[in-house]
Protein backbone atom coordinates (compact mmCIF):
# COMPACT_ATOMS: atom_id res chain seq x y z
CA GLN A 1 3.14 -21.77 11.75
CA MET A 2 4.90 -20.11 8.68
CA VAL A 3 7.47 -21.95 7.71
CA GLY A 4 6.92 -25.16 4.99
CA ASP A 5 3.61 -25.20 2.73
CA THR A 6 0.73 -23.98 4.63
CA PRO A 7 -1.60 -21.54 2.61
CA LEU A 8 -0.53 -18.57 4.49
CA ALA A 9 3.32 -19.34 3.89
CA ARG A 10 2.33 -19.89 0.32
CA ALA A 11 0.71 -16.83 -0.15
CA LEU A 12 3.16 -15.02 2.36
CA ARG A 13 5.72 -15.95 -0.45
CA LYS A 14 4.38 -14.62 -3.30
CA LEU A 15 3.51 -11.44 -2.27
CA LEU A 16 6.57 -10.72 -0.54
CA PHE A 17 8.99 -11.28 -3.71
CA ALA A 18 6.37 -9.44 -6.15
CA THR A 19 6.94 -6.59 -3.27
CA ALA A 20 10.89 -6.76 -3.69
CA HIS A 21 10.66 -7.06 -7.11
CA VAL A 22 8.12 -3.75 -7.07
CA GLN A 23 10.17 -2.37 -5.06
CA VAL A 24 13.20 -2.63 -7.46
CA ILE A 25 11.34 -1.46 -10.12
CA TYR A 26 10.27 2.13 -8.04
CA ASP A 27 13.62 2.53 -7.24
CA THR A 28 15.04 2.65 -10.76
CA ALA A 29 11.63 4.38 -12.44
CA GLY A 30 9.99 6.22 -9.61
CA GLY A 31 11.92 9.50 -10.70
CA LYS A 32 13.92 9.82 -7.24
CA PRO A 33 12.36 12.66 -5.33
CA THR A 34 14.62 14.90 -3.83
CA ALA A 35 13.76 15.84 0.34
CA SER A 36 12.52 19.16 -0.67
CA GLU A 37 10.65 18.02 -3.89
CA LEU A 38 8.81 15.36 -1.47
CA ALA A 39 8.09 18.17 1.44
CA ALA A 40 6.56 20.40 -1.59
CA ILE A 41 4.20 17.46 -2.42
CA GLN A 42 3.37 16.33 1.38
CA GLY A 43 2.65 20.03 1.98
CA HIS A 44 0.52 20.51 -0.84
CA LEU A 45 -1.44 17.22 -0.59
CA LEU A 46 -2.31 18.15 2.96
CA LEU A 47 -3.60 21.22 2.01
CA VAL A 48 -5.78 19.94 -0.72
CA VAL A 49 -6.77 16.87 1.32
CA ARG A 50 -8.13 19.03 4.13
CA LYS A 51 -10.45 21.32 2.33
CA PRO A 52 -14.16 20.59 3.87
CA GLU A 53 -15.74 21.05 0.26
CA PRO A 54 -12.49 20.88 -2.31
CA LYS A 55 -13.50 22.53 -5.81
CA PRO A 56 -10.95 20.93 -8.11
CA GLU A 57 -12.37 23.03 -11.36
CA ALA A 58 -11.71 25.87 -9.75
CA GLU A 59 -8.44 24.80 -7.87
CA ARG A 60 -4.84 23.86 -8.96
CA TRP A 61 -4.71 20.51 -7.62
CA LEU A 62 -1.26 20.13 -9.33
CA MET A 63 1.80 22.60 -8.11
CA PRO A 64 3.62 24.07 -11.13
CA GLY A 65 7.10 22.83 -11.24
CA THR A 66 7.76 19.77 -8.47
CA TYR A 67 4.79 17.53 -9.93
CA HIS A 68 6.28 18.02 -13.15
CA ASP A 69 9.67 18.18 -12.51
CA ILE A 70 9.16 14.07 -10.65
CA GLY A 71 7.24 13.40 -13.71
CA ALA A 72 9.87 14.51 -16.28
CA ARG A 73 12.11 11.51 -14.76
CA VAL A 74 9.55 9.13 -14.19
CA ASP A 75 9.56 5.87 -16.59
CA VAL A 76 5.06 5.33 -16.27
CA ALA A 77 4.97 2.14 -18.55
CA ALA A 78 7.83 0.36 -15.89
CA LEU A 79 5.61 1.81 -12.83
CA ALA A 80 2.60 0.34 -14.95
CA GLY A 81 3.86 -3.20 -15.21
CA GLY A 82 4.84 -2.96 -11.64
CA LEU A 83 1.75 -2.41 -10.53
CA GLN A 84 0.84 -5.07 -12.73
CA ARG A 85 2.98 -7.23 -10.99
CA LEU A 86 1.28 -6.87 -7.69
CA VAL A 87 -1.79 -7.56 -9.01
CA ALA A 88 -1.04 -10.38 -10.44
CA ALA A 89 0.32 -11.82 -7.05
CA VAL A 90 -2.58 -10.61 -5.13
CA GLN A 91 -4.92 -12.82 -7.77
CA ASP A 92 -2.37 -15.51 -7.16
CA ALA A 93 -2.30 -15.74 -3.70
CA LEU A 94 -5.82 -15.21 -3.15
CA PRO A 95 -7.12 -19.02 -3.25
CA ASP A 96 -4.11 -19.41 -0.53
CA LEU A 97 -5.64 -16.63 1.65
CA ARG A 98 -9.06 -17.68 1.66
CA ASP A 99 -7.59 -21.07 2.89
CA ALA A 100 -5.82 -19.41 5.39
CA ALA A 101 -8.87 -17.26 6.81
CA ARG A 102 -10.02 -20.42 7.31
CA THR A 103 -8.13 -21.59 9.92
CA ALA A 104 -6.93 -17.80 10.82
CA PRO A 105 -4.11 -16.77 13.21
CA THR A 106 -5.73 -15.47 16.77
CA ALA A 107 -3.24 -13.27 17.29
CA PRO A 108 -1.63 -10.51 15.34
CA ILE A 109 2.15 -11.82 13.19
CA GLU A 110 4.21 -8.46 12.53
CA TRP A 111 7.78 -8.51 11.64
CA ASN A 112 10.29 -6.28 10.26
CA THR A 113 11.97 -6.94 6.86
CA PRO A 114 14.51 -4.97 4.99
CA LEU A 115 11.47 -3.34 3.02
CA GLY A 116 9.23 -2.84 5.53
CA LYS A 117 6.92 -3.96 7.60
CA VAL A 118 4.42 -7.08 6.98
CA GLY A 119 1.10 -7.99 8.76
CA VAL A 120 -1.06 -10.96 9.05
CA LEU A 121 -4.20 -10.24 11.19
CA GLY A 122 -6.86 -12.96 11.56
CA THR A 123 -10.88 -12.74 11.18
CA GLY A 124 -11.54 -10.29 13.91
CA LYS A 125 -12.65 -7.15 14.33
CA ASN A 126 -9.28 -5.09 14.17
CA THR A 127 -7.97 -1.63 14.47
CA HIS A 128 -4.64 -0.84 11.68
CA SER A 129 -2.34 1.79 12.14
CA GLY A 130 1.28 2.79 10.64
CA GLU A 131 3.71 2.12 7.85
CA TYR A 132 3.11 -1.31 6.09
CA LEU A 133 5.17 -2.93 3.28
CA LEU A 134 2.37 -5.39 3.40
CA LEU A 135 -0.77 -5.84 5.16
CA ILE A 136 -2.93 -8.62 4.91
CA ASP A 137 -6.07 -9.24 7.38
CA LEU A 138 -8.00 -12.15 6.61
CA GLY A 139 -11.22 -10.58 7.35
CA GLY A 140 -13.48 -8.83 10.22
CA ASP A 141 -14.98 -5.38 9.95
CA ASP A 142 -11.93 -3.17 10.68
CA HIS A 143 -10.63 0.30 10.97
CA TYR A 144 -7.55 1.44 8.89
CA GLU A 145 -6.16 5.10 10.56
CA ASP A 146 -2.58 6.13 8.35
CA VAL A 147 -1.83 2.88 7.28
CA GLY A 148 0.62 2.79 4.50
CA ARG A 149 4.02 4.49 3.72
CA PRO A 150 4.56 8.44 3.85
CA LEU A 151 6.24 9.70 0.79
CA GLY A 152 9.98 8.88 0.31
CA LYS A 153 9.84 6.11 2.27
CA ASN A 154 10.04 3.17 0.40
CA GLY A 155 8.15 3.31 -2.73
CA VAL A 156 5.81 0.19 -2.46
CA SER A 157 2.70 -0.62 -0.40
CA LEU A 158 0.43 -3.58 -0.14
CA VAL A 159 -2.61 -3.58 1.70
CA ILE A 160 -5.13 -6.71 1.13
CA ASP A 161 -8.24 -7.15 3.28
CA LEU A 162 -10.61 -9.99 2.21
CA SER A 163 -13.83 -9.28 3.52
CA GLY A 164 -15.83 -7.03 6.39
CA ASN A 165 -17.09 -3.53 6.47
CA ASP A 166 -14.27 -1.43 7.07
CA VAL A 167 -13.56 1.99 7.72
CA MET A 168 -10.72 3.92 6.29
CA ARG A 169 -8.95 7.20 7.40
CA TRP A 170 -5.65 9.37 6.25
CA HIS A 171 -4.66 12.37 8.03
CA ASP A 172 -0.74 12.66 7.56
CA ARG A 173 0.13 10.17 4.51
CA PRO A 174 -1.55 9.27 1.34
CA GLY A 175 -3.32 6.43 1.76
CA PRO A 176 -2.50 2.56 -0.03
CA GLY A 177 -4.03 3.15 -3.54
CA ALA A 178 -3.40 6.16 -3.59
CA GLY A 179 -0.25 5.78 -5.96
CA VAL A 180 1.51 9.02 -5.02
CA LEU A 181 5.18 8.88 -5.87
CA GLY A 182 4.94 5.14 -5.25
CA ILE A 183 3.19 1.93 -6.19
CA ASP A 184 0.17 1.45 -3.98
CA LEU A 185 -2.24 -1.36 -4.26
CA TRP A 186 -5.13 -1.73 -2.19
CA ALA A 187 -6.92 -4.93 -2.31
CA ASP A 188 -10.47 -4.85 -0.84
CA MET A 189 -11.83 -8.06 -1.44
CA GLN A 190 -15.13 -8.23 -0.38
CA GLY A 191 -17.45 -5.84 2.27
């Protein structure tokens, strides 16, 4: 169903090409954090987000040293350009994705690429979890649990949810759209 010139195939070609290009941008401009830097930041993020009522004005949200050390190596303009490329790819793919939603696949379609896992789900009530390079949900009231990539694993994650009243939760990693040491985009189009 994905070969040829179907709306879903056209959208996937656009989005996968953009994510591959943006991964190259992240690899060269993302500051190349070390394993110890990633571990320190992961521990700090879990500490901050697990507080029942965080008070950012009374706490240091950024650890001295680690964030700044990585930040000094980052090309922010290049990363911003990568994010803009992802946004443009989503906007370009939306008409085809909306067409695809009218004839949505009945079963989830998932496969692994060299850059990460890709998933496309139909318009039913779906539960999503795990690490994705690209996850597209064509509609329905969905539940997202720890979707995205862990710190330091690739640098790009793109989630597109066309419609529905969705629930999102993250426990062990920053979620898509958080942009913590990566270029992450969450495009929740409606609901």
